[in-house]
Amino acid sequence: MKALHALSLLLVILGGLNWLSVGLFKYDVVSEIFGGTEEVGSRIVYTVVGIAALYALALFGKVTRDD
């Protein structure tokens, strides 16, 4: 499970960095790599990052819980 947590965190960070580049520079790294936002590769990456974010959201309660 630790590897899954780390993978999820890594994907969420990469997705966040992509959105940072979109916000600051109007440059979408994922769409640039795959040839556009409507391309299958881009949609797969966006979907996987979104699933990782949902998984990380589920972990949020564990991180903020006082033991």
N, C-alpha and C. Protein backbone atom coordinates (compact mmCIF):
# COMPACT_ATOMS: atom_id res chain seq x y z
N MET A 1 0.82 -1.20 0.00
CA MET A 1 0.00 0.00 0.00
C MET A 1 0.86 1.26 0.00
N LYS A 2 2.04 1.18 0.63
CA LYS A 2 2.90 2.35 0.68
C LYS A 2 3.30 2.80 -0.73
N ALA A 3 3.56 1.83 -1.61
CA ALA A 3 3.92 2.17 -2.99
C ALA A 3 2.76 2.85 -3.70
N LEU A 4 1.54 2.39 -3.45
CA LEU A 4 0.37 3.00 -4.07
C LEU A 4 0.18 4.43 -3.57
N HIS A 5 0.41 4.65 -2.28
CA HIS A 5 0.33 6.01 -1.73
C HIS A 5 1.37 6.91 -2.40
N ALA A 6 2.59 6.42 -2.53
CA ALA A 6 3.66 7.22 -3.14
C ALA A 6 3.36 7.51 -4.60
N LEU A 7 2.86 6.52 -5.33
CA LEU A 7 2.51 6.72 -6.73
C LEU A 7 1.40 7.75 -6.87
N SER A 8 0.40 7.65 -6.03
CA SER A 8 -0.69 8.61 -6.06
C SER A 8 -0.18 10.02 -5.79
N LEU A 9 0.67 10.16 -4.78
CA LEU A 9 1.23 11.47 -4.46
C LEU A 9 2.05 12.01 -5.63
N LEU A 10 2.86 11.17 -6.23
CA LEU A 10 3.67 11.60 -7.37
C LEU A 10 2.80 12.08 -8.52
N LEU A 11 1.75 11.34 -8.84
CA LEU A 11 0.86 11.73 -9.94
C LEU A 11 0.13 13.04 -9.65
N VAL A 12 -0.29 13.22 -8.41
CA VAL A 12 -0.97 14.46 -8.04
C VAL A 12 0.00 15.64 -8.13
N ILE A 13 1.24 15.44 -7.71
CA ILE A 13 2.24 16.50 -7.81
C ILE A 13 2.52 16.85 -9.27
N LEU A 14 2.70 15.82 -10.11
CA LEU A 14 2.94 16.09 -11.53
C LEU A 14 1.76 16.81 -12.18
N GLY A 15 0.55 16.39 -11.82
CA GLY A 15 -0.63 17.08 -12.33
C GLY A 15 -0.68 18.53 -11.88
N GLY A 16 -0.33 18.75 -10.62
CA GLY A 16 -0.30 20.12 -10.10
C GLY A 16 0.74 20.98 -10.79
N LEU A 17 1.90 20.40 -11.07
CA LEU A 17 2.93 21.14 -11.79
C LEU A 17 2.50 21.46 -13.22
N ASN A 18 1.77 20.53 -13.84
CA ASN A 18 1.24 20.81 -15.18
C ASN A 18 0.27 21.98 -15.12
N TRP A 19 -0.62 21.98 -14.13
CA TRP A 19 -1.57 23.09 -14.02
C TRP A 19 -0.87 24.40 -13.69
N LEU A 20 0.23 24.33 -12.94
CA LEU A 20 1.02 25.53 -12.67
C LEU A 20 1.57 26.11 -13.97
N SER A 21 2.08 25.24 -14.83
CA SER A 21 2.61 25.72 -16.11
C SER A 21 1.50 26.28 -16.99
N VAL A 22 0.30 25.70 -16.91
CA VAL A 22 -0.83 26.24 -17.66
C VAL A 22 -1.20 27.63 -17.13
N GLY A 23 -1.26 27.75 -15.81
CA GLY A 23 -1.66 29.02 -15.20
C GLY A 23 -0.66 30.14 -15.42
N LEU A 24 0.63 29.83 -15.31
CA LEU A 24 1.64 30.87 -15.42
C LEU A 24 2.07 31.16 -16.85
N PHE A 25 2.17 30.11 -17.65
CA PHE A 25 2.76 30.26 -18.97
C PHE A 25 1.84 29.88 -20.13
N LYS A 26 0.60 29.47 -19.81
CA LYS A 26 -0.34 29.00 -20.83
C LYS A 26 0.28 27.88 -21.66
N TYR A 27 0.99 26.98 -20.99
CA TYR A 27 1.68 25.88 -21.64
C TYR A 27 1.29 24.57 -20.97
N ASP A 28 0.55 23.74 -21.67
CA ASP A 28 0.09 22.45 -21.15
C ASP A 28 1.08 21.38 -21.59
N VAL A 29 1.89 20.90 -20.65
CA VAL A 29 2.93 19.93 -20.96
C VAL A 29 2.33 18.63 -21.50
N VAL A 30 1.27 18.15 -20.89
CA VAL A 30 0.66 16.89 -21.31
C VAL A 30 0.14 16.98 -22.73
N SER A 31 -0.58 18.03 -23.05
CA SER A 31 -1.11 18.15 -24.41
C SER A 31 0.01 18.38 -25.42
N GLU A 32 1.07 19.01 -25.00
CA GLU A 32 2.22 19.20 -25.89
C GLU A 32 2.88 17.86 -26.22
N ILE A 33 2.99 16.99 -25.23
CA ILE A 33 3.61 15.68 -25.44
C ILE A 33 2.75 14.82 -26.36
N PHE A 34 1.43 14.85 -26.14
CA PHE A 34 0.54 13.94 -26.86
C PHE A 34 -0.16 14.57 -28.06
N GLY A 35 0.10 15.84 -28.35
CA GLY A 35 -0.44 16.46 -29.56
C GLY A 35 -1.78 17.13 -29.41
N GLY A 36 -2.20 17.43 -28.22
CA GLY A 36 -3.46 18.15 -28.01
C GLY A 36 -4.25 17.56 -26.86
N THR A 37 -5.18 18.35 -26.34
CA THR A 37 -5.96 17.91 -25.19
C THR A 37 -7.00 16.86 -25.55
N GLU A 38 -7.38 16.79 -26.81
CA GLU A 38 -8.39 15.82 -27.24
C GLU A 38 -7.81 14.48 -27.66
N GLU A 39 -6.49 14.36 -27.69
CA GLU A 39 -5.85 13.11 -28.08
C GLU A 39 -6.03 12.05 -26.99
N VAL A 40 -6.04 10.80 -27.40
CA VAL A 40 -6.27 9.69 -26.47
C VAL A 40 -5.21 9.67 -25.36
N GLY A 41 -3.94 9.87 -25.71
CA GLY A 41 -2.88 9.86 -24.71
C GLY A 41 -3.08 10.91 -23.63
N SER A 42 -3.44 12.11 -24.05
CA SER A 42 -3.70 13.19 -23.09
C SER A 42 -4.86 12.84 -22.19
N ARG A 43 -5.92 12.32 -22.77
CA ARG A 43 -7.11 11.98 -21.97
C ARG A 43 -6.80 10.88 -20.97
N ILE A 44 -5.96 9.93 -21.36
CA ILE A 44 -5.57 8.86 -20.43
C ILE A 44 -4.77 9.45 -19.27
N VAL A 45 -3.81 10.31 -19.58
CA VAL A 45 -3.00 10.93 -18.52
C VAL A 45 -3.87 11.74 -17.59
N TYR A 46 -4.76 12.58 -18.14
CA TYR A 46 -5.65 13.38 -17.30
C TYR A 46 -6.53 12.49 -16.42
N THR A 47 -7.02 11.40 -16.96
CA THR A 47 -7.87 10.48 -16.20
C THR A 47 -7.10 9.81 -15.08
N VAL A 48 -5.89 9.34 -15.37
CA VAL A 48 -5.08 8.67 -14.35
C VAL A 48 -4.71 9.65 -13.23
N VAL A 49 -4.37 10.88 -13.59
CA VAL A 49 -4.05 11.89 -12.57
C VAL A 49 -5.30 12.20 -11.74
N GLY A 50 -6.45 12.28 -12.38
CA GLY A 50 -7.69 12.53 -11.65
C GLY A 50 -8.04 11.40 -10.69
N ILE A 51 -7.84 10.17 -11.11
CA ILE A 51 -8.07 9.02 -10.22
C ILE A 51 -7.10 9.06 -9.05
N ALA A 52 -5.85 9.42 -9.32
CA ALA A 52 -4.86 9.55 -8.24
C ALA A 52 -5.28 10.63 -7.26
N ALA A 53 -5.85 11.71 -7.76
CA ALA A 53 -6.33 12.77 -6.87
C ALA A 53 -7.49 12.30 -6.00
N LEU A 54 -8.39 11.52 -6.57
CA LEU A 54 -9.49 10.96 -5.77
C LEU A 54 -8.95 10.01 -4.70
N TYR A 55 -7.97 9.21 -5.07
CA TYR A 55 -7.34 8.30 -4.11
C TYR A 55 -6.66 9.10 -3.00
N ALA A 56 -5.95 10.16 -3.38
CA ALA A 56 -5.28 11.01 -2.39
C ALA A 56 -6.30 11.70 -1.48
N LEU A 57 -7.43 12.06 -2.04
CA LEU A 57 -8.50 12.67 -1.24
C LEU A 57 -8.99 11.69 -0.18
N ALA A 58 -9.09 10.43 -0.53
CA ALA A 58 -9.49 9.41 0.44
C ALA A 58 -8.46 9.26 1.54
N LEU A 59 -7.20 9.51 1.24
CA LEU A 59 -6.13 9.43 2.24
C LEU A 59 -6.07 10.65 3.14
N PHE A 60 -6.72 11.71 2.75
CA PHE A 60 -6.66 12.97 3.49
C PHE A 60 -7.06 12.79 4.96
N GLY A 61 -8.09 12.00 5.20
CA GLY A 61 -8.53 11.75 6.58
C GLY A 61 -7.47 11.06 7.41
N LYS A 62 -6.73 10.16 6.82
CA LYS A 62 -5.66 9.46 7.54
C LYS A 62 -4.50 10.41 7.89
N VAL A 63 -4.21 11.31 6.98
CA VAL A 63 -3.10 12.24 7.19
C VAL A 63 -3.42 13.25 8.27
N THR A 64 -4.65 13.72 8.33
CA THR A 64 -5.03 14.78 9.26
C THR A 64 -5.51 14.24 10.61
N ARG A 65 -5.65 12.95 10.73
CA ARG A 65 -6.15 12.36 11.98
C ARG A 65 -5.09 12.45 13.07
N ASP A 66 -5.50 12.82 14.27
CA ASP A 66 -4.61 12.82 15.42
C ASP A 66 -4.61 11.42 16.04
N ASP A 67 -3.43 10.88 16.25
CA ASP A 67 -3.33 9.55 16.86
C ASP A 67 -3.00 9.64 18.32
